[in-house]
Amino acid sequence: MGSDVVLLDLSQVTLIADYFIIATGESERQIDALVESVVEQGKEVGLKPLSIQGTAASGWTLIDYGSIVVHLFSPAQRRRYQLEEFWSNGRTVVRIA
């Protein structure tokens, strides 16, 4: 499991997506494992990603399910992009530290 997992409700803020799920992986290997886990768990409930962008080596992988977008970051890239602050007018539904 990733660390510092956040679910943001952006449905009243943007048309890009209704929800962002943001999590941190502590290593490239963990980010790759998180991507695999998210995709597999999505398949179990009938979801297929529209696209997967980025790589663990880049520190940011995005899994696009349309209304839900999953962002998996390295610690450095998460600090750099600060998506929670950028989308701060969205509502934090859940935060698991």
PDB file of N, CA and C in Angstrom:
ATOM      1  N   MET A   1       0.837  -1.174   0.000  1.00  0.00           N
ATOM      2  CA  MET A   1       0.000   0.000   0.000  1.00  0.00           C
ATOM      3  C   MET A   1       0.885   1.241   0.000  1.00  0.00           C
ATOM      4  N   GLY A   2       0.450   2.239  -0.729  1.00  0.00           N
ATOM      5  CA  GLY A   2       1.155   3.508  -0.741  1.00  0.00           C
ATOM      6  C   GLY A   2       0.951   4.241   0.575  1.00  0.00           C
ATOM      7  N   SER A   3       1.716   5.288   0.765  1.00  0.00           N
ATOM      8  CA  SER A   3       1.559   6.091   1.975  1.00  0.00           C
ATOM      9  C   SER A   3       0.897   7.419   1.648  1.00  0.00           C
ATOM     10  N   ASP A   4       0.401   8.066   2.668  1.00  0.00           N
ATOM     11  CA  ASP A   4      -0.260   9.368   2.555  1.00  0.00           C
ATOM     12  C   ASP A   4      -1.275   9.371   1.410  1.00  0.00           C
ATOM     13  N   VAL A   5      -2.252   8.492   1.515  1.00  0.00           N
ATOM     14  CA  VAL A   5      -3.284   8.339   0.481  1.00  0.00           C
ATOM     15  C   VAL A   5      -4.374   9.385   0.708  1.00  0.00           C
ATOM     16  N   VAL A   6      -4.733  10.091  -0.364  1.00  0.00           N
ATOM     17  CA  VAL A   6      -5.752  11.139  -0.284  1.00  0.00           C
ATOM     18  C   VAL A   6      -6.775  10.920  -1.389  1.00  0.00           C
ATOM     19  N   LEU A   7      -8.043  11.037  -1.039  1.00  0.00           N
ATOM     20  CA  LEU A   7      -9.136  11.024  -2.013  1.00  0.00           C
ATOM     21  C   LEU A   7      -9.722  12.423  -2.048  1.00  0.00           C
ATOM     22  N   LEU A   8      -9.606  13.081  -3.204  1.00  0.00           N
ATOM     23  CA  LEU A   8     -10.147  14.426  -3.387  1.00  0.00           C
ATOM     24  C   LEU A   8     -11.392  14.370  -4.248  1.00  0.00           C
ATOM     25  N   ASP A   9     -12.436  15.023  -3.802  1.00  0.00           N
ATOM     26  CA  ASP A   9     -13.660  15.176  -4.587  1.00  0.00           C
ATOM     27  C   ASP A   9     -13.544  16.490  -5.350  1.00  0.00           C
ATOM     28  N   LEU A  10     -13.420  16.396  -6.665  1.00  0.00           N
ATOM     29  CA  LEU A  10     -13.271  17.574  -7.520  1.00  0.00           C
ATOM     30  C   LEU A  10     -14.508  17.815  -8.373  1.00  0.00           C
ATOM     31  N   SER A  11     -15.588  17.105  -8.076  1.00  0.00           N
ATOM     32  CA  SER A  11     -16.778  17.139  -8.934  1.00  0.00           C
ATOM     33  C   SER A  11     -17.402  18.526  -9.040  1.00  0.00           C
ATOM     34  N   GLN A  12     -17.198  19.370  -8.044  1.00  0.00           N
ATOM     35  CA  GLN A  12     -17.756  20.723  -8.089  1.00  0.00           C
ATOM     36  C   GLN A  12     -16.732  21.758  -8.556  1.00  0.00           C
ATOM     37  N   VAL A  13     -15.521  21.277  -8.920  1.00  0.00           N
ATOM     38  CA  VAL A  13     -14.415  22.183  -9.209  1.00  0.00           C
ATOM     39  C   VAL A  13     -13.980  22.151 -10.669  1.00  0.00           C
ATOM     40  N   THR A  14     -14.017  20.975 -11.298  1.00  0.00           N
ATOM     41  CA  THR A  14     -13.474  20.819 -12.642  1.00  0.00           C
ATOM     42  C   THR A  14     -14.223  19.732 -13.403  1.00  0.00           C
ATOM     43  N   LEU A  15     -14.091  19.760 -14.705  1.00  0.00           N
ATOM     44  CA  LEU A  15     -14.659  18.711 -15.553  1.00  0.00           C
ATOM     45  C   LEU A  15     -13.636  17.625 -15.868  1.00  0.00           C
ATOM     46  N   ILE A  16     -12.393  17.815 -15.444  1.00  0.00           N
ATOM     47  CA  ILE A  16     -11.318  16.856 -15.727  1.00  0.00           C
ATOM     48  C   ILE A  16     -11.648  15.486 -15.154  1.00  0.00           C
ATOM     49  N   ALA A  17     -12.082  15.466 -13.912  1.00  0.00           N
ATOM     50  CA  ALA A  17     -12.415  14.214 -13.220  1.00  0.00           C
ATOM     51  C   ALA A  17     -13.267  14.558 -12.009  1.00  0.00           C
ATOM     52  N   ASP A  18     -14.013  13.578 -11.540  1.00  0.00           N
ATOM     53  CA  ASP A  18     -14.783  13.771 -10.311  1.00  0.00           C
ATOM     54  C   ASP A  18     -13.912  13.566  -9.075  1.00  0.00           C
ATOM     55  N   TYR A  19     -12.965  12.622  -9.180  1.00  0.00           N
ATOM     56  CA  TYR A  19     -12.126  12.289  -8.033  1.00  0.00           C
ATOM     57  C   TYR A  19     -10.680  12.107  -8.452  1.00  0.00           C
ATOM     58  N   PHE A  20      -9.771  12.539  -7.585  1.00  0.00           N
ATOM     59  CA  PHE A  20      -8.353  12.211  -7.672  1.00  0.00           C
ATOM     60  C   PHE A  20      -8.034  11.343  -6.467  1.00  0.00           C
ATOM     61  N   ILE A  21      -7.314  10.272  -6.713  1.00  0.00           N
ATOM     62  CA  ILE A  21      -6.712   9.492  -5.639  1.00  0.00           C
ATOM     63  C   ILE A  21      -5.216   9.732  -5.763  1.00  0.00           C
ATOM     64  N   ILE A  22      -4.605  10.196  -4.698  1.00  0.00           N
ATOM     65  CA  ILE A  22      -3.184  10.536  -4.704  1.00  0.00           C
ATOM     66  C   ILE A  22      -2.500   9.707  -3.631  1.00  0.00           C
ATOM     67  N   ALA A  23      -1.372   9.077  -3.999  1.00  0.00           N
ATOM     68  CA  ALA A  23      -0.629   8.276  -3.029  1.00  0.00           C
ATOM     69  C   ALA A  23       0.857   8.359  -3.343  1.00  0.00           C
ATOM     70  N   THR A  24       1.660   8.041  -2.350  1.00  0.00           N
ATOM     71  CA  THR A  24       3.108   8.062  -2.486  1.00  0.00           C
ATOM     72  C   THR A  24       3.654   6.644  -2.406  1.00  0.00           C
ATOM     73  N   GLY A  25       4.555   6.328  -3.334  1.00  0.00           N
ATOM     74  CA  GLY A  25       5.324   5.087  -3.285  1.00  0.00           C
ATOM     75  C   GLY A  25       6.750   5.434  -2.910  1.00  0.00           C
ATOM     76  N   GLU A  26       7.340   4.672  -2.026  1.00  0.00           N
ATOM     77  CA  GLU A  26       8.662   5.018  -1.503  1.00  0.00           C
ATOM     78  C   GLU A  26       9.809   4.640  -2.430  1.00  0.00           C
ATOM     79  N   SER A  27       9.535   3.868  -3.478  1.00  0.00           N
ATOM     80  CA  SER A  27      10.584   3.458  -4.417  1.00  0.00           C
ATOM     81  C   SER A  27       9.947   3.187  -5.776  1.00  0.00           C
ATOM     82  N   GLU A  28      10.780   3.092  -6.808  1.00  0.00           N
ATOM     83  CA  GLU A  28      10.259   2.758  -8.137  1.00  0.00           C
ATOM     84  C   GLU A  28       9.537   1.418  -8.106  1.00  0.00           C
ATOM     85  N   ARG A  29      10.119   0.463  -7.420  1.00  0.00           N
ATOM     86  CA  ARG A  29       9.514  -0.866  -7.331  1.00  0.00           C
ATOM     87  C   ARG A  29       8.132  -0.795  -6.681  1.00  0.00           C
ATOM     88  N   GLN A  30       8.016   0.007  -5.622  1.00  0.00           N
ATOM     89  CA  GLN A  30       6.720   0.125  -4.954  1.00  0.00           C
ATOM     90  C   GLN A  30       5.704   0.832  -5.850  1.00  0.00           C
ATOM     91  N   ILE A  31       6.131   1.859  -6.577  1.00  0.00           N
ATOM     92  CA  ILE A  31       5.210   2.540  -7.492  1.00  0.00           C
ATOM     93  C   ILE A  31       4.726   1.569  -8.560  1.00  0.00           C
ATOM     94  N   ASP A  32       5.637   0.786  -9.134  1.00  0.00           N
ATOM     95  CA  ASP A  32       5.229  -0.224 -10.126  1.00  0.00           C
ATOM     96  C   ASP A  32       4.226  -1.204  -9.524  1.00  0.00           C
ATOM     97  N   ALA A  33       4.482  -1.648  -8.294  1.00  0.00           N
ATOM     98  CA  ALA A  33       3.571  -2.589  -7.632  1.00  0.00           C
ATOM     99  C   ALA A  33       2.214  -1.940  -7.371  1.00  0.00           C
ATOM    100  N   LEU A  34       2.211  -0.664  -7.014  1.00  0.00           N
ATOM    101  CA  LEU A  34       0.947   0.047  -6.793  1.00  0.00           C
ATOM    102  C   LEU A  34       0.146   0.156  -8.082  1.00  0.00           C
ATOM    103  N   VAL A  35       0.822   0.472  -9.180  1.00  0.00           N
ATOM    104  CA  VAL A  35       0.136   0.551 -10.479  1.00  0.00           C
ATOM    105  C   VAL A  35      -0.505  -0.792 -10.800  1.00  0.00           C
ATOM    106  N   GLU A  36       0.266  -1.857 -10.665  1.00  0.00           N
ATOM    107  CA  GLU A  36      -0.249  -3.199 -10.953  1.00  0.00           C
ATOM    108  C   GLU A  36      -1.443  -3.530 -10.059  1.00  0.00           C
ATOM    109  N   SER A  37      -1.343  -3.195  -8.789  1.00  0.00           N
ATOM    110  CA  SER A  37      -2.422  -3.483  -7.846  1.00  0.00           C
ATOM    111  C   SER A  37      -3.688  -2.698  -8.178  1.00  0.00           C
ATOM    112  N   VAL A  38      -3.547  -1.411  -8.478  1.00  0.00           N
ATOM    113  CA  VAL A  38      -4.715  -0.587  -8.818  1.00  0.00           C
ATOM    114  C   VAL A  38      -5.402  -1.131 -10.064  1.00  0.00           C
ATOM    115  N   VAL A  39      -4.619  -1.453 -11.090  1.00  0.00           N
ATOM    116  CA  VAL A  39      -5.197  -1.962 -12.340  1.00  0.00           C
ATOM    117  C   VAL A  39      -5.893  -3.298 -12.102  1.00  0.00           C
ATOM    118  N   GLU A  40      -5.264  -4.194 -11.351  1.00  0.00           N
ATOM    119  CA  GLU A  40      -5.863  -5.504 -11.080  1.00  0.00           C
ATOM    120  C   GLU A  40      -7.146  -5.372 -10.262  1.00  0.00           C
ATOM    121  N   GLN A  41      -7.124  -4.535  -9.238  1.00  0.00           N
ATOM    122  CA  GLN A  41      -8.326  -4.355  -8.420  1.00  0.00           C
ATOM    123  C   GLN A  41      -9.435  -3.687  -9.217  1.00  0.00           C
ATOM    124  N   GLY A  42      -9.066  -2.793 -10.113  1.00  0.00           N
ATOM    125  CA  GLY A  42     -10.059  -2.186 -11.001  1.00  0.00           C
ATOM    126  C   GLY A  42     -10.720  -3.223 -11.884  1.00  0.00           C
ATOM    127  N   LYS A  43      -9.908  -4.127 -12.441  1.00  0.00           N
ATOM    128  CA  LYS A  43     -10.451  -5.190 -13.303  1.00  0.00           C
ATOM    129  C   LYS A  43     -11.457  -6.051 -12.553  1.00  0.00           C
ATOM    130  N   GLU A  44     -11.176  -6.298 -11.269  1.00  0.00           N
ATOM    131  CA  GLU A  44     -12.067  -7.134 -10.461  1.00  0.00           C
ATOM    132  C   GLU A  44     -13.462  -6.538 -10.320  1.00  0.00           C
ATOM    133  N   VAL A  45     -13.568  -5.220 -10.469  1.00  0.00           N
ATOM    134  CA  VAL A  45     -14.882  -4.572 -10.374  1.00  0.00           C
ATOM    135  C   VAL A  45     -15.335  -4.016 -11.725  1.00  0.00           C
ATOM    136  N   GLY A  46     -14.695  -4.503 -12.789  1.00  0.00           N
ATOM    137  CA  GLY A  46     -15.131  -4.149 -14.139  1.00  0.00           C
ATOM    138  C   GLY A  46     -14.591  -2.845 -14.689  1.00  0.00           C
ATOM    139  N   LEU A  47     -13.553  -2.305 -14.087  1.00  0.00           N
ATOM    140  CA  LEU A  47     -12.959  -1.064 -14.575  1.00  0.00           C
ATOM    141  C   LEU A  47     -11.701  -1.342 -15.379  1.00  0.00           C
ATOM    142  N   LYS A  48     -11.559  -0.620 -16.477  1.00  0.00           N
ATOM    143  CA  LYS A  48     -10.353  -0.712 -17.289  1.00  0.00           C
ATOM    144  C   LYS A  48      -9.831   0.706 -17.486  1.00  0.00           C
ATOM    145  N   PRO A  49      -8.531   0.921 -17.250  1.00  0.00           N
ATOM    146  CA  PRO A  49      -8.011   2.279 -17.409  1.00  0.00           C
ATOM    147  C   PRO A  49      -8.123   2.760 -18.850  1.00  0.00           C
ATOM    148  N   LEU A  50      -8.475   4.035 -19.011  1.00  0.00           N
ATOM    149  CA  LEU A  50      -8.469   4.648 -20.335  1.00  0.00           C
ATOM    150  C   LEU A  50      -7.038   4.847 -20.804  1.00  0.00           C
ATOM    151  N   SER A  51      -6.158   5.173 -19.862  1.00  0.00           N
ATOM    152  CA  SER A  51      -4.737   5.303 -20.174  1.00  0.00           C
ATOM    153  C   SER A  51      -3.928   5.230 -18.891  1.00  0.00           C
ATOM    154  N   ILE A  52      -2.664   4.872 -19.067  1.00  0.00           N
ATOM    155  CA  ILE A  52      -1.682   4.907 -17.983  1.00  0.00           C
ATOM    156  C   ILE A  52      -0.525   5.730 -18.515  1.00  0.00           C
ATOM    157  N   GLN A  53      -0.178   6.785 -17.805  1.00  0.00           N
ATOM    158  CA  GLN A  53       0.864   7.694 -18.264  1.00  0.00           C
ATOM    159  C   GLN A  53       1.945   7.823 -17.215  1.00  0.00           C
ATOM    160  N   GLY A  54       3.161   8.068 -17.678  1.00  0.00           N
ATOM    161  CA  GLY A  54       4.294   8.221 -16.780  1.00  0.00           C
ATOM    162  C   GLY A  54       4.887   6.880 -16.411  1.00  0.00           C
ATOM    163  N   THR A  55       5.972   6.938 -15.671  1.00  0.00           N
ATOM    164  CA  THR A  55       6.668   5.726 -15.243  1.00  0.00           C
ATOM    165  C   THR A  55       7.113   5.881 -13.796  1.00  0.00           C
ATOM    166  N   ALA A  56       7.386   4.765 -13.180  1.00  0.00           N
ATOM    167  CA  ALA A  56       7.913   4.809 -11.819  1.00  0.00           C
ATOM    168  C   ALA A  56       9.249   5.549 -11.797  1.00  0.00           C
ATOM    169  N   ALA A  57      10.054   5.379 -12.850  1.00  0.00           N
ATOM    170  CA  ALA A  57      11.355   6.050 -12.917  1.00  0.00           C
ATOM    171  C   ALA A  57      11.213   7.566 -12.956  1.00  0.00           C
ATOM    172  N   SER A  58      10.113   8.061 -13.525  1.00  0.00           N
ATOM    173  CA  SER A  58       9.893   9.511 -13.576  1.00  0.00           C
ATOM    174  C   SER A  58       9.368  10.043 -12.247  1.00  0.00           C
ATOM    175  N   GLY A  59       8.880   9.149 -11.393  1.00  0.00           N
ATOM    176  CA  GLY A  59       8.354   9.563 -10.101  1.00  0.00           C
ATOM    177  C   GLY A  59       6.884   9.916 -10.096  1.00  0.00           C
ATOM    178  N   TRP A  60       6.209   9.754 -11.231  1.00  0.00           N
ATOM    179  CA  TRP A  60       4.775  10.076 -11.297  1.00  0.00           C
ATOM    180  C   TRP A  60       4.126   9.183 -12.334  1.00  0.00           C
ATOM    181  N   THR A  61       3.201   8.358 -11.897  1.00  0.00           N
ATOM    182  CA  THR A  61       2.401   7.545 -12.804  1.00  0.00           C
ATOM    183  C   THR A  61       0.939   7.904 -12.586  1.00  0.00           C
ATOM    184  N   LEU A  62       0.230   8.111 -13.680  1.00  0.00           N
ATOM    185  CA  LEU A  62      -1.174   8.505 -13.651  1.00  0.00           C
ATOM    186  C   LEU A  62      -1.989   7.391 -14.291  1.00  0.00           C
ATOM    187  N   ILE A  63      -3.031   6.949 -13.612  1.00  0.00           N
ATOM    188  CA  ILE A  63      -3.947   5.945 -14.143  1.00  0.00           C
ATOM    189  C   ILE A  63      -5.292   6.627 -14.313  1.00  0.00           C
ATOM    190  N   ASP A  64      -5.732   6.751 -15.553  1.00  0.00           N
ATOM    191  CA  ASP A  64      -6.942   7.510 -15.880  1.00  0.00           C
ATOM    192  C   ASP A  64      -8.113   6.560 -16.090  1.00  0.00           C
ATOM    193  N   TYR A  65      -9.103   6.673 -15.213  1.00  0.00           N
ATOM    194  CA  TYR A  65     -10.339   5.901 -15.337  1.00  0.00           C
ATOM    195  C   TYR A  65     -11.508   6.787 -15.758  1.00  0.00           C
ATOM    196  N   GLY A  66     -11.210   7.967 -16.287  1.00  0.00           N
ATOM    197  CA  GLY A  66     -12.273   8.889 -16.679  1.00  0.00           C
ATOM    198  C   GLY A  66     -12.667   9.764 -15.514  1.00  0.00           C
ATOM    199  N   SER A  67     -13.699   9.373 -14.793  1.00  0.00           N
ATOM    200  CA  SER A  67     -14.158  10.195 -13.669  1.00  0.00           C
ATOM    201  C   SER A  67     -13.265  10.063 -12.433  1.00  0.00           C
ATOM    202  N   ILE A  68     -12.399   9.056 -12.436  1.00  0.00           N
ATOM    203  CA  ILE A  68     -11.442   8.860 -11.339  1.00  0.00           C
ATOM    204  C   ILE A  68     -10.043   8.819 -11.939  1.00  0.00           C
ATOM    205  N   VAL A  69      -9.142   9.622 -11.387  1.00  0.00           N
ATOM    206  CA  VAL A  69      -7.752   9.620 -11.833  1.00  0.00           C
ATOM    207  C   VAL A  69      -6.876   9.314 -10.625  1.00  0.00           C
ATOM    208  N   VAL A  70      -6.015   8.314 -10.775  1.00  0.00           N
ATOM    209  CA  VAL A  70      -5.114   7.895  -9.708  1.00  0.00           C
ATOM    210  C   VAL A  70      -3.722   8.441 -10.018  1.00  0.00           C
ATOM    211  N   HIS A  71      -3.142   9.151  -9.057  1.00  0.00           N
ATOM    212  CA  HIS A  71      -1.798   9.709  -9.188  1.00  0.00           C
ATOM    213  C   HIS A  71      -0.900   9.001  -8.183  1.00  0.00           C
ATOM    214  N   LEU A  72       0.140   8.340  -8.672  1.00  0.00           N
ATOM    215  CA  LEU A  72       1.091   7.654  -7.802  1.00  0.00           C
ATOM    216  C   LEU A  72       2.442   8.351  -7.948  1.00  0.00           C
ATOM    217  N   PHE A  73       2.934   8.900  -6.853  1.00  0.00           N
ATOM    218  CA  PHE A  73       4.129   9.736  -6.861  1.00  0.00           C
ATOM    219  C   PHE A  73       5.260   9.138  -6.035  1.00  0.00           C
ATOM    220  N   SER A  74       6.491   9.503  -6.406  1.00  0.00           N
ATOM    221  CA  SER A  74       7.614   9.360  -5.489  1.00  0.00           C
ATOM    222  C   SER A  74       7.493  10.507  -4.488  1.00  0.00           C
ATOM    223  N   PRO A  75       8.140  10.406  -3.333  1.00  0.00           N
ATOM    224  CA  PRO A  75       8.055  11.512  -2.365  1.00  0.00           C
ATOM    225  C   PRO A  75       8.515  12.854  -2.957  1.00  0.00           C
ATOM    226  N   ALA A  76       9.600  12.848  -3.716  1.00  0.00           N
ATOM    227  CA  ALA A  76      10.129  14.098  -4.284  1.00  0.00           C
ATOM    228  C   ALA A  76       9.161  14.720  -5.281  1.00  0.00           C
ATOM    229  N   GLN A  77       8.573  13.908  -6.149  1.00  0.00           N
ATOM    230  CA  GLN A  77       7.646  14.447  -7.146  1.00  0.00           C
ATOM    231  C   GLN A  77       6.342  14.907  -6.502  1.00  0.00           C
ATOM    232  N   ARG A  78       5.930  14.241  -5.460  1.00  0.00           N
ATOM    233  CA  ARG A  78       4.706  14.685  -4.781  1.00  0.00           C
ATOM    234  C   ARG A  78       4.913  16.054  -4.144  1.00  0.00           C
ATOM    235  N   ARG A  79       6.085  16.249  -3.534  1.00  0.00           N
ATOM    236  CA  ARG A  79       6.397  17.569  -2.970  1.00  0.00           C
ATOM    237  C   ARG A  79       6.496  18.614  -4.079  1.00  0.00           C
ATOM    238  N   ARG A  80       7.059  18.225  -5.208  1.00  0.00           N
ATOM    239  CA  ARG A  80       7.252  19.159  -6.318  1.00  0.00           C
ATOM    240  C   ARG A  80       5.920  19.639  -6.901  1.00  0.00           C
ATOM    241  N   TYR A  81       5.011  18.711  -7.189  1.00  0.00           N
ATOM    242  CA  TYR A  81       3.771  19.069  -7.884  1.00  0.00           C
ATOM    243  C   TYR A  81       2.643  19.525  -6.957  1.00  0.00           C
ATOM    244  N   GLN A  82       2.657  19.100  -5.712  1.00  0.00           N
ATOM    245  CA  GLN A  82       1.698  19.560  -4.703  1.00  0.00           C
ATOM    246  C   GLN A  82       0.254  19.611  -5.220  1.00  0.00           C
ATOM    247  N   LEU A  83      -0.220  18.489  -5.751  1.00  0.00           N
ATOM    248  CA  LEU A  83      -1.572  18.463  -6.317  1.00  0.00           C
ATOM    249  C   LEU A  83      -2.653  18.815  -5.304  1.00  0.00           C
ATOM    250  N   GLU A  84      -2.472  18.390  -4.056  1.00  0.00           N
ATOM    251  CA  GLU A  84      -3.485  18.717  -3.050  1.00  0.00           C
ATOM    252  C   GLU A  84      -3.630  20.228  -2.880  1.00  0.00           C
ATOM    253  N   GLU A  85      -2.522  20.940  -2.945  1.00  0.00           N
ATOM    254  CA  GLU A  85      -2.586  22.399  -2.826  1.00  0.00           C
ATOM    255  C   GLU A  85      -3.164  23.021  -4.090  1.00  0.00           C
ATOM    256  N   PHE A  86      -2.751  22.513  -5.249  1.00  0.00           N
ATOM    257  CA  PHE A  86      -3.253  23.046  -6.514  1.00  0.00           C
ATOM    258  C   PHE A  86      -4.772  22.897  -6.602  1.00  0.00           C
ATOM    259  N   TRP A  87      -5.282  21.765  -6.130  1.00  0.00           N
ATOM    260  CA  TRP A  87      -6.720  21.490  -6.165  1.00  0.00           C
ATOM    261  C   TRP A  87      -7.344  21.696  -4.784  1.00  0.00           C
ATOM    262  N   SER A  88      -6.855  22.643  -4.022  1.00  0.00           N
ATOM    263  CA  SER A  88      -7.309  22.837  -2.641  1.00  0.00           C
ATOM    264  C   SER A  88      -8.772  23.263  -2.532  1.00  0.00           C
ATOM    265  N   ASN A  89      -9.369  23.741  -3.615  1.00  0.00           N
ATOM    266  CA  ASN A  89     -10.796  24.074  -3.547  1.00  0.00           C
ATOM    267  C   ASN A  89     -11.672  22.840  -3.743  1.00  0.00           C
ATOM    268  N   GLY A  90     -11.043  21.679  -3.964  1.00  0.00           N
ATOM    269  CA  GLY A  90     -11.771  20.415  -3.921  1.00  0.00           C
ATOM    270  C   GLY A  90     -11.941  20.001  -2.466  1.00  0.00           C
ATOM    271  N   ARG A  91     -12.702  18.948  -2.244  1.00  0.00           N
ATOM    272  CA  ARG A  91     -12.979  18.486  -0.878  1.00  0.00           C
ATOM    273  C   ARG A  91     -12.192  17.213  -0.599  1.00  0.00           C
ATOM    274  N   THR A  92     -11.442  17.209   0.496  1.00  0.00           N
ATOM    275  CA  THR A  92     -10.744  15.999   0.920  1.00  0.00           C
ATOM    276  C   THR A  92     -11.770  15.068   1.546  1.00  0.00           C
ATOM    277  N   VAL A  93     -11.987  13.918   0.907  1.00  0.00           N
ATOM    278  CA  VAL A  93     -12.962  12.941   1.390  1.00  0.00           C
ATOM    279  C   VAL A  93     -12.316  12.044   2.430  1.00  0.00           C
ATOM    280  N   VAL A  94     -11.104  11.573   2.120  1.00  0.00           N
ATOM    281  CA  VAL A  94     -10.381  10.657   3.002  1.00  0.00           C
ATOM    282  C   VAL A  94      -8.897  10.973   2.907  1.00  0.00           C
ATOM    283  N   ARG A  95      -8.215  10.898   4.037  1.00  0.00           N
ATOM    284  CA  ARG A  95      -6.756  10.958   4.062  1.00  0.00           C
ATOM    285  C   ARG A  95      -6.284   9.839   4.980  1.00  0.00           C
ATOM    286  N   ILE A  96      -5.437   8.972   4.448  1.00  0.00           N
ATOM    287  CA  ILE A  96      -4.854   7.879   5.225  1.00  0.00           C
ATOM    288  C   ILE A  96      -3.351   8.097   5.224  1.00  0.00           C
ATOM    289  N   ALA A  97      -2.812   8.439   6.366  1.00  0.00           N
ATOM    290  CA  ALA A  97      -1.385   8.777   6.452  1.00  0.00           C
ATOM    291  C   ALA A  97      -0.521   7.551   6.537  1.00  0.00           C
TER     292      ALA A  97
END
